[in-house]
């Protein structure tokens, strides 16, 4: 029979960083029952595979699941392969485009390897909601819809906003929260985790379980992480949440230098939000870093601390140190990285124009892009700013070329 830590110790770890908690006393009761019976609690979090990549915003929720795992409980990683085809309307002012089963399946195949960068795979129950939602008959679906009302659905801000503005709300969008809620009925969860934007959906699951004669789940939400382009204005953080569609994300599978570079581009004040939500530093340690910044410490040094921690978590310590050194060499000053590729080009007539050479060296996608970058002063050749796309590179010459500023790319070009 498994043993579990005393309830107060478990609660202290579980509730740290949680935003919404319905209901704490019920969780304490279940944790006590769990200890007495030696039965792990069942903790569910659902992920609709609408895109193939997870990012560090998703890892906020995964980290909380891992806390439950480390306490001896079972994490149910639910792939919403059925609900992804319906489309979650949360946070959208218009209907989302619907996905095909093949599109969803391609994205779902990548999720587990990424999730297991955070979760313990030995304590995961992997499920897909197509297991039970595919089997629902029309009678079952009508019975499900009869357990909620249109007025309840209009309590959601996004639905209410669209209704008030006379924007269309399709009937299948009302069905989405019910289908997600039915997942909890099918799995008989003890706890469901979700981001704060999922509060309506996970609370509906709690209500629906009662209507199906099940013991209602406890609801817990974790913070939604802002994107890397968020800004600190008038004392508050502004900007879109992290997402691939907004191109303001750090992917769990990105290479170490890309992860580190994106961290270093975060706003000097916003970086502390990332520390608070994702770092393993204590609140006192984070407060000390804030004080050091206020006292004049270079914010790039503080961001590098988070960058190293993040890369080490999703790669390893060696990768983190290498990424930090590489960034310092490439982005922090005018140094050149050690592994610059060399391209030997043989242009017709023996003379190459710079724009053509950039394309041949894979530094740009096309010669027209090369011309645009040169005209925008985004290209250096041998340490000097290039201004003419038709700059001639003579036979037998060799040049060090740099393209871009924040995302710098280098190549050595030899003209044969």
Protein backbone atom coordinates (compact mmCIF):
# COMPACT_ATOMS: atom_id res chain seq x y z
CA UNK A 1 0.00 0.00 0.00
CA UNK A 2 1.48 3.38 -0.98
CA UNK A 3 2.10 5.97 1.70
CA UNK A 4 1.43 9.69 1.37
CA UNK A 5 2.75 12.76 3.15
CA UNK A 6 0.58 14.40 5.83
CA UNK A 7 -2.26 16.44 4.35
CA UNK A 8 -0.93 19.88 5.42
CA UNK A 9 2.40 19.13 3.72
CA UNK A 10 0.68 18.05 0.52
CA UNK A 11 -1.63 21.07 0.49
CA UNK A 12 1.27 23.49 0.94
CA UNK A 13 2.89 22.17 -2.25
CA UNK A 14 -0.32 21.76 -4.21
CA UNK A 15 -1.81 25.21 -3.63
CA UNK A 16 1.42 27.14 -4.26
CA UNK A 17 0.91 29.32 -7.34
CA UNK A 18 -2.72 28.27 -7.84
CA UNK A 19 -5.17 31.00 -8.89
CA UNK A 20 -8.65 29.43 -8.52
CA UNK A 21 -9.30 26.64 -6.00
CA UNK A 22 -12.76 25.02 -5.72
CA UNK A 23 -12.89 23.75 -3.03
CA UNK A 24 -9.84 23.56 -0.76
CA UNK A 25 -11.69 21.86 2.11
CA UNK A 26 -12.89 19.13 -0.25
CA UNK A 27 -9.37 18.46 -1.46
CA UNK A 28 -8.13 18.24 2.13
CA UNK A 29 -10.86 15.68 2.79
CA UNK A 30 -9.92 13.59 -0.24
CA UNK A 31 -6.23 13.75 0.57
CA UNK A 32 -7.02 12.38 4.03
CA UNK A 33 -9.13 9.59 2.52
CA UNK A 34 -6.28 8.87 0.12
CA UNK A 35 -3.83 8.49 3.01
CA UNK A 36 -6.12 6.18 4.92
CA UNK A 37 -6.97 3.96 1.96
CA UNK A 38 -3.56 4.09 0.28
CA UNK A 39 -5.28 5.16 -2.95
CA UNK A 40 -3.73 7.83 -5.20
CA UNK A 41 -5.99 10.67 -6.31
CA UNK A 42 -6.76 10.99 -10.02
CA UNK A 43 -5.60 14.35 -11.39
CA UNK A 44 -6.70 15.29 -14.90
CA UNK A 45 -5.54 17.92 -17.36
CA UNK A 46 -6.70 18.00 -20.96
CA UNK A 47 -4.80 19.23 -24.00
CA UNK A 48 -6.46 19.73 -27.38
CA UNK A 49 -3.80 18.97 -30.03
CA UNK A 50 -4.67 21.85 -32.35
CA UNK A 51 -0.97 22.47 -33.06
CA UNK A 52 1.98 20.08 -32.92
CA UNK A 53 4.13 21.96 -30.38
CA UNK A 54 3.86 22.57 -26.67
CA UNK A 55 5.52 25.67 -25.22
CA UNK A 56 6.64 26.77 -21.77
CA UNK A 57 3.22 28.30 -21.15
CA UNK A 58 1.83 24.74 -21.22
CA UNK A 59 4.56 23.67 -18.80
CA UNK A 60 3.03 25.83 -16.05
CA UNK A 61 0.12 23.39 -15.91
CA UNK A 62 2.36 20.37 -16.43
CA UNK A 63 4.51 21.45 -13.47
CA UNK A 64 1.46 21.40 -11.21
CA UNK A 65 0.61 17.91 -12.46
CA UNK A 66 4.17 16.88 -11.63
CA UNK A 67 3.71 18.15 -8.06
CA UNK A 68 0.78 15.75 -7.66
CA UNK A 69 2.86 12.95 -9.18
CA UNK A 70 5.74 13.59 -6.80
CA UNK A 71 3.24 13.32 -3.93
CA UNK A 72 2.26 9.85 -5.19
CA UNK A 73 -0.91 10.65 -7.15
CA UNK A 74 -1.86 9.67 -10.71
CA UNK A 75 -1.73 12.21 -13.53
CA UNK A 76 -4.28 11.67 -16.30
CA UNK A 77 -2.87 13.24 -19.46
CA UNK A 78 -5.95 13.63 -21.60
CA UNK A 79 -5.51 14.25 -25.31
CA UNK A 80 -8.65 15.99 -26.53
CA UNK A 81 -8.57 14.44 -29.98
CA UNK A 82 -12.39 14.62 -30.28
CA UNK A 83 -12.86 18.07 -28.74
CA UNK A 84 -10.04 19.48 -30.90
CA UNK A 85 -12.21 18.74 -33.93
CA UNK A 86 -15.03 20.77 -32.38
CA UNK A 87 -12.79 23.70 -31.44
CA UNK A 88 -12.48 25.46 -28.10
CA UNK A 89 -14.17 28.89 -28.36
CA UNK A 90 -12.41 30.19 -25.24
CA UNK A 91 -10.98 33.65 -25.79
CA UNK A 92 -12.16 33.94 -29.39
CA UNK A 93 -14.35 36.69 -30.78
CA UNK A 94 -15.29 34.59 -33.80
CA UNK A 95 -15.81 30.92 -34.51
CA UNK A 96 -12.60 28.91 -34.71
CA UNK A 97 -11.90 26.92 -37.88
CA UNK A 98 -12.63 23.24 -37.36
CA UNK A 99 -9.88 20.65 -37.77
CA UNK A 100 -10.03 17.23 -39.38
CA UNK A 101 -9.25 14.04 -37.49
CA UNK A 102 -6.04 13.61 -39.52
CA UNK A 103 -4.86 17.13 -38.61
CA UNK A 104 -5.55 16.48 -34.94
CA UNK A 105 -3.83 13.10 -34.98
CA UNK A 106 -0.64 14.52 -36.50
CA UNK A 107 -0.41 17.05 -33.68
CA UNK A 108 -1.31 14.50 -30.98
CA UNK A 109 1.61 12.26 -31.94
CA UNK A 110 4.12 14.91 -30.84
CA UNK A 111 2.53 15.77 -27.50
CA UNK A 112 3.72 12.93 -25.30
CA UNK A 113 7.46 13.26 -25.91
CA UNK A 114 7.14 16.94 -25.08
CA UNK A 115 4.95 16.43 -22.01
CA UNK A 116 7.36 13.84 -20.63
CA UNK A 117 10.00 16.54 -20.41
CA UNK A 118 8.02 17.61 -17.32
CA UNK A 119 5.88 14.65 -16.27
CA UNK A 120 7.01 11.32 -14.83
CA UNK A 121 5.93 8.80 -17.51
CA UNK A 122 5.69 6.00 -14.92
CA UNK A 123 2.82 7.80 -13.19
CA UNK A 124 0.77 8.88 -16.19
CA UNK A 125 -2.54 7.49 -17.37
CA UNK A 126 -2.78 8.40 -21.03
CA UNK A 127 -6.32 8.80 -22.39
CA UNK A 128 -8.05 10.22 -25.46
CA UNK A 129 -11.56 11.62 -25.18
CA UNK A 130 -12.55 9.98 -28.46
CA UNK A 131 -12.73 6.79 -26.37
CA UNK A 132 -16.11 7.86 -24.96
CA UNK A 133 -17.18 10.81 -27.12
CA UNK A 134 -17.09 8.77 -30.34
CA UNK A 135 -19.46 6.33 -28.65
CA UNK A 136 -22.09 8.93 -27.65
CA UNK A 137 -25.41 8.35 -29.41
CA UNK A 138 -27.75 11.16 -30.43
CA UNK A 139 -29.89 10.29 -27.39
CA UNK A 140 -26.79 10.58 -25.17
CA UNK A 141 -25.89 13.94 -26.72
CA UNK A 142 -29.41 15.31 -26.17
CA UNK A 143 -29.30 14.11 -22.57
CA UNK A 144 -25.95 15.88 -22.14
CA UNK A 145 -27.28 19.14 -23.60
CA UNK A 146 -30.35 18.94 -21.39
CA UNK A 147 -28.10 19.27 -18.32
CA UNK A 148 -27.15 22.87 -19.08
CA UNK A 149 -28.89 26.02 -20.28
CA UNK A 150 -28.23 28.73 -22.85
CA UNK A 151 -28.22 31.33 -20.08
CA UNK A 152 -25.45 29.41 -18.33
CA UNK A 153 -23.40 29.37 -21.51
CA UNK A 154 -23.87 33.11 -21.89
CA UNK A 155 -22.17 33.59 -18.53
CA UNK A 156 -18.93 33.09 -20.46
CA UNK A 157 -17.42 36.46 -21.33
CA UNK A 158 -16.49 35.47 -24.89
CA UNK A 159 -19.99 34.17 -25.66
CA UNK A 160 -21.65 37.15 -23.97
CA UNK A 161 -19.47 39.60 -25.91
CA UNK A 162 -20.31 37.99 -29.23
CA UNK A 163 -24.00 37.83 -28.33
CA UNK A 164 -24.10 41.51 -27.34
CA UNK A 165 -22.27 42.50 -30.54
CA UNK A 166 -24.61 40.30 -32.62
CA UNK A 167 -21.72 38.16 -33.82
CA UNK A 168 -22.59 34.56 -34.72
CA UNK A 169 -22.34 31.82 -32.12
CA UNK A 170 -22.70 28.39 -33.67
CA UNK A 171 -24.49 25.65 -31.78
CA UNK A 172 -21.49 23.31 -31.84
CA UNK A 173 -19.57 25.97 -29.85
CA UNK A 174 -22.08 25.62 -27.01
CA UNK A 175 -21.47 21.89 -27.17
CA UNK A 176 -17.70 22.19 -26.67
CA UNK A 177 -17.76 23.05 -22.91
CA UNK A 178 -20.27 20.24 -22.34
CA UNK A 179 -18.09 17.70 -24.13
CA UNK A 180 -15.04 18.80 -22.16
CA UNK A 181 -17.07 18.59 -18.97
CA UNK A 182 -18.23 15.09 -19.90
CA UNK A 183 -14.58 14.00 -19.91
CA UNK A 184 -14.61 14.37 -16.13
CA UNK A 185 -17.76 12.27 -15.88
CA UNK A 186 -16.16 9.51 -17.96
CA UNK A 187 -12.86 9.55 -16.04
CA UNK A 188 -14.31 10.15 -12.54
CA UNK A 189 -11.51 12.57 -11.68
CA UNK A 190 -10.73 13.81 -8.20
CA UNK A 191 -9.13 17.03 -9.46
CA UNK A 192 -9.10 18.83 -12.79
CA UNK A 193 -6.38 21.33 -13.62
CA UNK A 194 -6.63 24.07 -16.22
CA UNK A 195 -5.39 27.53 -17.04
CA UNK A 196 -7.37 30.48 -15.71
CA UNK A 197 -8.99 30.85 -19.14
CA UNK A 198 -10.48 27.37 -18.67
CA UNK A 199 -12.26 28.14 -15.39
CA UNK A 200 -15.74 28.05 -16.95
CA UNK A 201 -15.10 24.72 -18.68
CA UNK A 202 -13.57 22.90 -15.69
CA UNK A 203 -16.23 24.26 -13.32
CA UNK A 204 -18.90 23.00 -15.71
CA UNK A 205 -17.25 19.58 -15.41
CA UNK A 206 -17.66 19.77 -11.63
CA UNK A 207 -21.36 20.64 -12.01
CA UNK A 208 -21.98 17.97 -14.62
CA UNK A 209 -20.46 15.23 -12.46
CA UNK A 210 -23.06 15.96 -9.78
CA UNK A 211 -25.87 15.74 -12.34
CA UNK A 212 -24.62 12.33 -13.43
CA UNK A 213 -24.49 11.11 -9.84
CA UNK A 214 -20.68 11.35 -9.56
CA UNK A 215 -18.69 12.89 -6.76
CA UNK A 216 -17.78 16.38 -8.11
CA UNK A 217 -14.16 17.07 -8.89
CA UNK A 218 -12.05 19.75 -7.25
CA UNK A 219 -11.14 22.56 -9.66
CA UNK A 220 -7.75 24.26 -9.71
CA UNK A 221 -6.40 26.77 -12.22
CA UNK A 222 -2.84 27.90 -12.90
CA UNK A 223 -1.70 31.25 -14.32
CA UNK A 224 -1.69 31.97 -18.04
CA UNK A 225 1.82 32.97 -19.08
CA UNK A 226 2.20 36.04 -21.24
CA UNK A 227 4.21 35.89 -24.44
CA UNK A 228 7.84 36.88 -24.85
CA UNK A 229 6.68 40.15 -26.41
CA UNK A 230 4.72 41.30 -23.34
CA UNK A 231 5.55 44.72 -21.91
CA UNK A 232 5.45 46.33 -18.47
CA UNK A 233 3.39 49.51 -18.74
CA UNK A 234 1.96 51.70 -15.98
CA UNK A 235 2.72 49.08 -13.37
CA UNK A 236 1.04 46.17 -15.14
CA UNK A 237 2.04 43.53 -17.70
CA UNK A 238 0.31 43.96 -21.05
CA UNK A 239 0.28 41.71 -24.08
CA UNK A 240 -1.15 38.53 -25.54
CA UNK A 241 -0.78 35.17 -23.86
CA UNK A 242 2.00 32.93 -25.10
CA UNK A 243 0.97 31.10 -28.25
CA UNK A 244 2.46 29.82 -31.46
CA UNK A 245 -0.09 31.72 -33.52
CA UNK A 246 1.15 34.99 -31.99
CA UNK A 247 4.78 33.91 -32.54
CA UNK A 248 5.64 34.92 -28.97
CA UNK A 249 6.42 31.49 -27.53
CA UNK A 250 9.36 29.38 -26.37
CA UNK A 251 8.82 25.81 -27.51
CA UNK A 252 9.68 22.84 -25.30
CA UNK A 253 11.60 21.29 -28.22
CA UNK A 254 13.51 24.35 -29.37
CA UNK A 255 17.28 24.14 -29.49
CA UNK A 256 19.15 25.53 -26.47
CA UNK A 257 20.45 28.72 -28.11
CA UNK A 258 17.01 29.60 -29.49
CA UNK A 259 15.44 29.15 -26.04
CA UNK A 260 18.14 31.22 -24.36
CA UNK A 261 17.97 33.96 -27.01
CA UNK A 262 14.20 34.30 -26.65
CA UNK A 263 14.54 34.63 -22.87
CA UNK A 264 17.08 37.41 -23.33
CA UNK A 265 14.58 39.32 -25.50
CA UNK A 266 11.94 39.41 -22.74
CA UNK A 267 11.21 42.84 -21.25
CA UNK A 268 13.47 43.67 -18.29
CA UNK A 269 10.51 43.90 -15.89
CA UNK A 270 8.39 41.12 -17.41
CA UNK A 271 11.18 38.59 -16.79
CA UNK A 272 10.19 38.51 -13.12
CA UNK A 273 6.75 37.22 -14.12
CA UNK A 274 8.54 34.28 -15.80
CA UNK A 275 10.60 33.73 -12.66
CA UNK A 276 7.46 33.70 -10.50
CA UNK A 277 5.50 31.31 -12.73
CA UNK A 278 8.22 28.91 -13.87
CA UNK A 279 11.42 29.23 -11.85
CA UNK A 280 12.42 26.90 -9.05
CA UNK A 281 13.92 29.85 -7.17
CA UNK A 282 12.16 30.72 -3.93
CA UNK A 283 10.08 33.91 -3.61
CA UNK A 284 12.84 35.38 -1.41
CA UNK A 285 15.47 34.66 -4.06
CA UNK A 286 13.33 36.27 -6.76
CA UNK A 287 12.73 39.30 -4.52
CA UNK A 288 16.50 39.57 -4.04
CA UNK A 289 17.02 39.66 -7.82
CA UNK A 290 14.44 42.43 -8.09
CA UNK A 291 16.29 44.41 -5.45
CA UNK A 292 19.59 43.89 -7.27
CA UNK A 293 18.08 45.19 -10.50
CA UNK A 294 16.71 48.24 -8.69
CA UNK A 295 20.19 48.81 -7.28
CA UNK A 296 21.68 48.86 -10.77
CA UNK A 297 22.52 45.26 -11.68
CA UNK A 298 22.48 44.70 -15.44
CA UNK A 299 19.06 43.16 -16.30
CA UNK A 300 20.73 41.01 -18.96
CA UNK A 301 22.58 39.19 -16.17
CA UNK A 302 19.27 38.53 -14.39
CA UNK A 303 17.59 37.27 -17.56
CA UNK A 304 20.57 34.98 -18.16
CA UNK A 305 19.89 33.30 -14.79
CA UNK A 306 16.39 32.37 -15.95
CA UNK A 307 17.68 31.43 -19.40
CA UNK A 308 20.20 28.97 -17.96
CA UNK A 309 17.58 27.44 -15.68
CA UNK A 310 15.10 27.02 -18.51
CA UNK A 311 17.56 25.44 -20.94
CA UNK A 312 18.92 23.11 -18.24
CA UNK A 313 15.40 21.94 -17.43
CA UNK A 314 14.46 21.03 -20.99
CA UNK A 315 17.95 20.00 -22.17
CA UNK A 316 20.76 19.74 -19.60
CA UNK A 317 23.30 21.83 -17.67
CA UNK A 318 25.97 21.51 -20.37
CA UNK A 319 23.56 22.77 -23.02
CA UNK A 320 22.61 25.69 -20.78
CA UNK A 321 26.20 26.79 -20.28
CA UNK A 322 26.99 26.40 -23.97
CA UNK A 323 23.92 28.45 -24.93
CA UNK A 324 24.92 31.21 -22.49
CA UNK A 325 28.47 31.34 -23.88
CA UNK A 326 27.24 31.26 -27.46
CA UNK A 327 24.77 34.06 -26.80
CA UNK A 328 27.44 36.17 -25.14
CA UNK A 329 29.69 35.65 -28.14
CA UNK A 330 27.13 36.22 -30.86
CA UNK A 331 24.56 38.60 -29.37
CA UNK A 332 26.17 40.19 -26.35
CA UNK A 333 29.09 41.65 -28.27
CA UNK A 334 30.61 41.67 -31.75
CA UNK A 335 32.27 38.27 -31.44
CA UNK A 336 31.77 35.56 -34.06
CA UNK A 337 30.57 32.05 -33.14
CA UNK A 338 33.01 29.16 -33.41
CA UNK A 339 30.98 27.07 -35.85
CA UNK A 340 30.37 29.49 -38.73
CA UNK A 341 29.63 27.46 -41.90
CA UNK A 342 31.73 28.02 -45.02
CA UNK A 343 30.25 28.11 -48.52
CA UNK A 344 32.37 27.95 -51.66
CA UNK A 345 30.46 29.49 -54.56
CA UNK A 346 31.16 29.33 -58.28
CA UNK A 347 29.14 32.10 -59.94
CA UNK A 348 28.71 32.28 -63.68
CA UNK A 349 31.31 34.68 -65.06
CA UNK A 350 33.40 34.39 -61.89
CA UNK A 351 31.98 37.46 -60.10
CA UNK A 352 29.17 37.19 -57.56
CA UNK A 353 26.77 39.88 -56.41
CA UNK A 354 26.22 40.03 -52.67
CA UNK A 355 22.43 39.45 -52.78
CA UNK A 356 22.90 36.31 -54.88
CA UNK A 357 25.65 35.04 -52.56
CA UNK A 358 23.45 35.46 -49.46
CA UNK A 359 20.79 33.26 -51.06
CA UNK A 360 23.36 30.60 -52.08
CA UNK A 361 24.72 30.53 -48.49
CA UNK A 362 21.22 29.87 -47.09
CA UNK A 363 21.27 33.11 -45.11
CA UNK A 364 18.02 34.24 -46.74
CA UNK A 365 15.11 32.55 -48.47
CA UNK A 366 15.42 34.53 -51.71
CA UNK A 367 17.52 37.15 -53.45
CA UNK A 368 14.65 39.62 -53.10
CA UNK A 369 14.77 39.15 -49.31
CA UNK A 370 18.55 39.67 -49.47
CA UNK A 371 18.09 42.95 -51.35
CA UNK A 372 15.51 44.13 -48.82
CA UNK A 373 17.77 43.31 -45.84
CA UNK A 374 20.75 45.05 -47.42
CA UNK A 375 18.70 48.15 -48.17
CA UNK A 376 17.42 48.11 -44.57
CA UNK A 377 21.03 47.97 -43.33
CA UNK A 378 20.61 44.48 -41.91
CA UNK A 379 23.72 42.92 -43.50
CA UNK A 380 27.41 43.24 -42.63
CA UNK A 381 30.27 42.02 -44.79
CA UNK A 382 33.72 41.79 -43.21
CA UNK A 383 32.54 43.91 -40.29
CA UNK A 384 31.17 46.76 -42.42
CA UNK A 385 27.54 47.59 -43.11
CA UNK A 386 26.50 46.62 -46.64
CA UNK A 387 24.37 49.14 -48.54
CA UNK A 388 24.37 47.91 -52.14
CA UNK A 389 22.77 44.54 -53.08
CA UNK A 390 24.95 44.52 -56.22
CA UNK A 391 28.23 44.66 -54.29
CA UNK A 392 30.71 42.53 -56.28
CA UNK A 393 32.55 39.64 -54.65
CA UNK A 394 35.64 38.97 -56.75
CA UNK A 395 37.04 35.52 -57.67
CA UNK A 396 39.44 34.16 -55.05
CA UNK A 397 38.03 36.39 -52.29
CA UNK A 398 36.68 35.21 -48.93
CA UNK A 399 34.22 37.17 -46.77
CA UNK A 400 32.60 36.90 -43.35
CA UNK A 401 28.93 37.84 -43.72
CA UNK A 402 26.39 38.52 -40.98
CA UNK A 403 22.64 38.83 -41.57
CA UNK A 404 20.14 40.19 -39.00
CA UNK A 405 20.54 41.89 -35.65
CA UNK A 406 18.61 40.08 -32.92
CA UNK A 407 18.58 36.72 -34.70
CA UNK A 408 22.05 36.90 -36.23
CA UNK A 409 23.20 34.42 -38.86
CA UNK A 410 26.78 34.10 -40.04
CA UNK A 411 28.56 32.48 -43.00
CA UNK A 412 31.99 32.54 -44.62
CA UNK A 413 31.65 32.90 -48.38
CA UNK A 414 34.46 31.94 -50.73
CA UNK A 415 34.28 32.82 -54.41
CA UNK A 416 36.08 30.16 -56.45
